[in-house]
Amino acid sequence: MAMIGPVVRTDIAVARGLGHGLALLPLGIRLIVLAAALLVAMAGCTAAWIDQQDYVPSPNVCRADEVGVRTDCVAPSPVPERGR
């Protein structure tokens, strides 16, 4: 947790540097860069959404003392021991 301070300061410094760099560009180029960044972000979100379509949620596993009581969960199965 002690590492978060330097990381945040670095992120702020990078964002400030990018902001100063973008401020040097003409308005038209700034808008093109902003539109390109927005398209890249939208493509990333779309790819994540498409990948999420195959997600199958994990079953709700009961605790050992709930196996006979609850019907909305799956009984736990023992994990086979691995040979060493």
N, C-alpha and C. Protein backbone atom coordinates (compact mmCIF):
# COMPACT_ATOMS: atom_id res chain seq x y z
N MET A 1 0.81 -1.20 0.00
CA MET A 1 0.00 0.00 0.00
C MET A 1 0.85 1.26 0.00
N ALA A 2 2.05 1.19 0.50
CA ALA A 2 2.90 2.37 0.55
C ALA A 2 3.34 2.80 -0.84
N MET A 3 3.18 1.92 -1.82
CA MET A 3 3.63 2.21 -3.18
C MET A 3 2.65 3.12 -3.93
N ILE A 4 1.43 3.25 -3.49
CA ILE A 4 0.40 3.95 -4.26
C ILE A 4 0.72 5.43 -4.45
N GLY A 5 1.34 6.08 -3.49
CA GLY A 5 1.65 7.50 -3.61
C GLY A 5 2.53 7.82 -4.82
N PRO A 6 3.68 7.12 -4.95
CA PRO A 6 4.53 7.39 -6.13
C PRO A 6 3.85 7.04 -7.45
N VAL A 7 3.02 6.01 -7.45
CA VAL A 7 2.33 5.62 -8.68
C VAL A 7 1.34 6.71 -9.09
N VAL A 8 0.60 7.24 -8.13
CA VAL A 8 -0.37 8.29 -8.44
C VAL A 8 0.36 9.54 -8.92
N ARG A 9 1.45 9.87 -8.29
CA ARG A 9 2.20 11.05 -8.73
C ARG A 9 2.72 10.85 -10.15
N THR A 10 3.16 9.64 -10.48
CA THR A 10 3.65 9.37 -11.84
C THR A 10 2.50 9.48 -12.84
N ASP A 11 1.34 8.92 -12.49
CA ASP A 11 0.19 9.01 -13.39
C ASP A 11 -0.22 10.46 -13.62
N ILE A 12 -0.20 11.26 -12.58
CA ILE A 12 -0.56 12.67 -12.71
C ILE A 12 0.46 13.39 -13.58
N ALA A 13 1.74 13.07 -13.40
CA ALA A 13 2.77 13.71 -14.20
C ALA A 13 2.62 13.35 -15.68
N VAL A 14 2.31 12.09 -15.96
CA VAL A 14 2.13 11.67 -17.36
C VAL A 14 0.92 12.38 -17.96
N ALA A 15 -0.20 12.43 -17.22
CA ALA A 15 -1.40 13.11 -17.72
C ALA A 15 -1.14 14.59 -17.95
N ARG A 16 -0.40 15.21 -17.05
CA ARG A 16 -0.09 16.63 -17.21
C ARG A 16 0.80 16.84 -18.44
N GLY A 17 1.76 15.95 -18.65
CA GLY A 17 2.63 16.05 -19.82
C GLY A 17 1.87 15.88 -21.12
N LEU A 18 0.94 14.90 -21.14
CA LEU A 18 0.12 14.72 -22.33
C LEU A 18 -0.77 15.93 -22.57
N GLY A 19 -1.30 16.49 -21.50
CA GLY A 19 -2.14 17.68 -21.64
C GLY A 19 -1.37 18.85 -22.20
N HIS A 20 -0.15 19.04 -21.72
CA HIS A 20 0.68 20.13 -22.26
C HIS A 20 1.03 19.87 -23.72
N GLY A 21 1.30 18.61 -24.06
CA GLY A 21 1.61 18.27 -25.45
C GLY A 21 0.43 18.49 -26.37
N LEU A 22 -0.76 18.11 -25.91
CA LEU A 22 -1.96 18.33 -26.73
C LEU A 22 -2.28 19.81 -26.86
N ALA A 23 -1.97 20.58 -25.84
CA ALA A 23 -2.27 22.02 -25.90
C ALA A 23 -1.43 22.72 -26.96
N LEU A 24 -0.31 22.14 -27.33
CA LEU A 24 0.54 22.74 -28.35
C LEU A 24 0.00 22.52 -29.76
N LEU A 25 -0.88 21.53 -29.92
CA LEU A 25 -1.42 21.22 -31.24
C LEU A 25 -2.54 22.18 -31.61
N PRO A 26 -2.75 22.38 -32.90
CA PRO A 26 -3.90 23.20 -33.33
C PRO A 26 -5.21 22.50 -32.97
N LEU A 27 -6.28 23.28 -32.89
CA LEU A 27 -7.57 22.76 -32.43
C LEU A 27 -8.06 21.59 -33.29
N GLY A 28 -7.92 21.67 -34.58
CA GLY A 28 -8.37 20.59 -35.46
C GLY A 28 -7.66 19.28 -35.19
N ILE A 29 -6.35 19.36 -35.00
CA ILE A 29 -5.56 18.16 -34.72
C ILE A 29 -5.93 17.60 -33.34
N ARG A 30 -6.15 18.49 -32.36
CA ARG A 30 -6.58 18.04 -31.02
C ARG A 30 -7.87 17.26 -31.10
N LEU A 31 -8.83 17.76 -31.91
CA LEU A 31 -10.11 17.07 -32.05
C LEU A 31 -9.94 15.71 -32.73
N ILE A 32 -9.04 15.64 -33.71
CA ILE A 32 -8.76 14.37 -34.38
C ILE A 32 -8.14 13.38 -33.39
N VAL A 33 -7.20 13.84 -32.58
CA VAL A 33 -6.56 12.97 -31.58
C VAL A 33 -7.60 12.49 -30.55
N LEU A 34 -8.47 13.39 -30.12
CA LEU A 34 -9.53 13.02 -29.17
C LEU A 34 -10.47 12.00 -29.79
N ALA A 35 -10.86 12.21 -31.05
CA ALA A 35 -11.75 11.26 -31.72
C ALA A 35 -11.08 9.90 -31.88
N ALA A 36 -9.80 9.88 -32.22
CA ALA A 36 -9.07 8.62 -32.36
C ALA A 36 -8.98 7.89 -31.02
N ALA A 37 -8.71 8.63 -29.95
CA ALA A 37 -8.64 8.00 -28.63
C ALA A 37 -10.00 7.44 -28.23
N LEU A 38 -11.06 8.15 -28.56
CA LEU A 38 -12.41 7.68 -28.26
C LEU A 38 -12.73 6.41 -29.05
N LEU A 39 -12.32 6.36 -30.32
CA LEU A 39 -12.55 5.16 -31.13
C LEU A 39 -11.77 3.96 -30.59
N VAL A 40 -10.54 4.18 -30.14
CA VAL A 40 -9.75 3.09 -29.57
C VAL A 40 -10.41 2.59 -28.29
N ALA A 41 -10.90 3.50 -27.45
CA ALA A 41 -11.57 3.10 -26.22
C ALA A 41 -12.85 2.32 -26.53
N MET A 42 -13.61 2.79 -27.52
CA MET A 42 -14.84 2.08 -27.90
C MET A 42 -14.53 0.70 -28.45
N ALA A 43 -13.47 0.56 -29.22
CA ALA A 43 -13.09 -0.75 -29.76
C ALA A 43 -12.69 -1.69 -28.63
N GLY A 44 -11.97 -1.18 -27.64
CA GLY A 44 -11.60 -2.01 -26.49
C GLY A 44 -12.81 -2.48 -25.71
N CYS A 45 -13.76 -1.59 -25.49
CA CYS A 45 -14.98 -1.96 -24.78
C CYS A 45 -15.80 -2.96 -25.58
N THR A 46 -15.85 -2.79 -26.89
CA THR A 46 -16.58 -3.72 -27.74
C THR A 46 -15.95 -5.10 -27.70
N ALA A 47 -14.62 -5.15 -27.77
CA ALA A 47 -13.93 -6.44 -27.71
C ALA A 47 -14.18 -7.13 -26.37
N ALA A 48 -14.14 -6.38 -25.28
CA ALA A 48 -14.41 -6.96 -23.97
C ALA A 48 -15.85 -7.46 -23.88
N TRP A 49 -16.79 -6.72 -24.44
CA TRP A 49 -18.18 -7.12 -24.41
C TRP A 49 -18.41 -8.40 -25.21
N ILE A 50 -17.78 -8.48 -26.39
CA ILE A 50 -17.92 -9.68 -27.22
C ILE A 50 -17.30 -10.88 -26.51
N ASP A 51 -16.15 -10.69 -25.88
CA ASP A 51 -15.49 -11.77 -25.16
C ASP A 51 -16.34 -12.23 -23.97
N GLN A 52 -17.07 -11.34 -23.37
CA GLN A 52 -17.89 -11.63 -22.18
C GLN A 52 -19.10 -12.49 -22.53
N GLN A 53 -19.46 -12.60 -23.80
CA GLN A 53 -20.66 -13.35 -24.19
C GLN A 53 -20.54 -14.83 -23.85
N ASP A 54 -19.33 -15.36 -23.77
CA ASP A 54 -19.12 -16.78 -23.46
C ASP A 54 -19.01 -17.05 -21.97
N TYR A 55 -19.19 -16.05 -21.14
CA TYR A 55 -19.02 -16.20 -19.70
C TYR A 55 -20.11 -17.10 -19.12
N VAL A 56 -19.70 -18.07 -18.34
CA VAL A 56 -20.64 -18.94 -17.62
C VAL A 56 -20.37 -18.74 -16.13
N PRO A 57 -21.37 -18.27 -15.38
CA PRO A 57 -21.13 -18.02 -13.96
C PRO A 57 -20.84 -19.31 -13.19
N SER A 58 -20.06 -19.19 -12.16
CA SER A 58 -19.75 -20.33 -11.30
C SER A 58 -21.00 -20.74 -10.54
N PRO A 59 -21.15 -22.02 -10.24
CA PRO A 59 -22.31 -22.44 -9.46
C PRO A 59 -22.23 -21.92 -8.03
N ASN A 60 -23.38 -21.73 -7.43
CA ASN A 60 -23.46 -21.30 -6.05
C ASN A 60 -23.21 -22.52 -5.18
N VAL A 61 -22.04 -22.64 -4.58
CA VAL A 61 -21.66 -23.81 -3.80
C VAL A 61 -22.09 -23.61 -2.35
N CYS A 62 -22.79 -24.62 -1.82
CA CYS A 62 -23.25 -24.57 -0.43
C CYS A 62 -22.09 -24.84 0.52
N ARG A 63 -22.24 -24.35 1.72
CA ARG A 63 -21.33 -24.77 2.79
C ARG A 63 -21.73 -26.18 3.19
N ALA A 64 -20.83 -26.89 3.86
CA ALA A 64 -21.09 -28.29 4.21
C ALA A 64 -22.33 -28.43 5.09
N ASP A 65 -22.60 -27.48 5.97
CA ASP A 65 -23.76 -27.59 6.86
C ASP A 65 -25.06 -27.17 6.17
N GLU A 66 -25.03 -26.68 4.94
CA GLU A 66 -26.23 -26.24 4.24
C GLU A 66 -26.69 -27.22 3.16
N VAL A 67 -25.98 -28.33 2.98
CA VAL A 67 -26.23 -29.22 1.86
C VAL A 67 -27.66 -29.74 1.83
N GLY A 68 -28.20 -30.21 2.94
CA GLY A 68 -29.54 -30.76 2.95
C GLY A 68 -30.63 -29.72 3.14
N VAL A 69 -30.26 -28.49 3.51
CA VAL A 69 -31.23 -27.46 3.85
C VAL A 69 -31.59 -26.59 2.65
N ARG A 70 -30.62 -26.12 1.94
CA ARG A 70 -30.86 -25.19 0.83
C ARG A 70 -31.01 -25.94 -0.48
N THR A 71 -31.84 -25.42 -1.36
CA THR A 71 -32.03 -26.02 -2.68
C THR A 71 -31.47 -25.14 -3.79
N ASP A 72 -31.02 -23.94 -3.46
CA ASP A 72 -30.53 -23.02 -4.49
C ASP A 72 -29.01 -23.05 -4.64
N CYS A 73 -28.40 -24.14 -4.16
CA CYS A 73 -26.94 -24.23 -4.27
C CYS A 73 -26.53 -25.65 -4.61
N VAL A 74 -25.26 -25.79 -4.99
CA VAL A 74 -24.69 -27.08 -5.39
C VAL A 74 -23.84 -27.60 -4.24
N ALA A 75 -23.97 -28.89 -3.95
CA ALA A 75 -23.17 -29.50 -2.88
C ALA A 75 -21.70 -29.48 -3.25
N PRO A 76 -20.83 -29.21 -2.29
CA PRO A 76 -19.39 -29.19 -2.59
C PRO A 76 -18.88 -30.60 -2.87
N SER A 77 -17.93 -30.69 -3.77
CA SER A 77 -17.31 -31.99 -4.06
C SER A 77 -15.87 -31.95 -3.56
N PRO A 78 -15.39 -33.04 -3.01
CA PRO A 78 -14.02 -33.03 -2.48
C PRO A 78 -13.01 -32.89 -3.62
N VAL A 79 -11.94 -32.21 -3.33
CA VAL A 79 -10.87 -32.02 -4.31
C VAL A 79 -9.96 -33.23 -4.25
N PRO A 80 -9.70 -33.88 -5.39
CA PRO A 80 -8.83 -35.06 -5.36
C PRO A 80 -7.41 -34.67 -4.95
N GLU A 81 -6.81 -35.55 -4.17
CA GLU A 81 -5.44 -35.28 -3.73
C GLU A 81 -4.48 -35.53 -4.88
N ARG A 82 -3.49 -34.65 -4.97
CA ARG A 82 -2.48 -34.80 -6.01
C ARG A 82 -1.29 -35.54 -5.43
N GLY A 83 -0.75 -36.45 -6.19
CA GLY A 83 0.44 -37.17 -5.76
C GLY A 83 1.66 -36.29 -5.81
N ARG A 84 2.54 -36.45 -4.87
CA ARG A 84 3.77 -35.62 -4.84
C ARG A 84 4.94 -36.37 -5.33
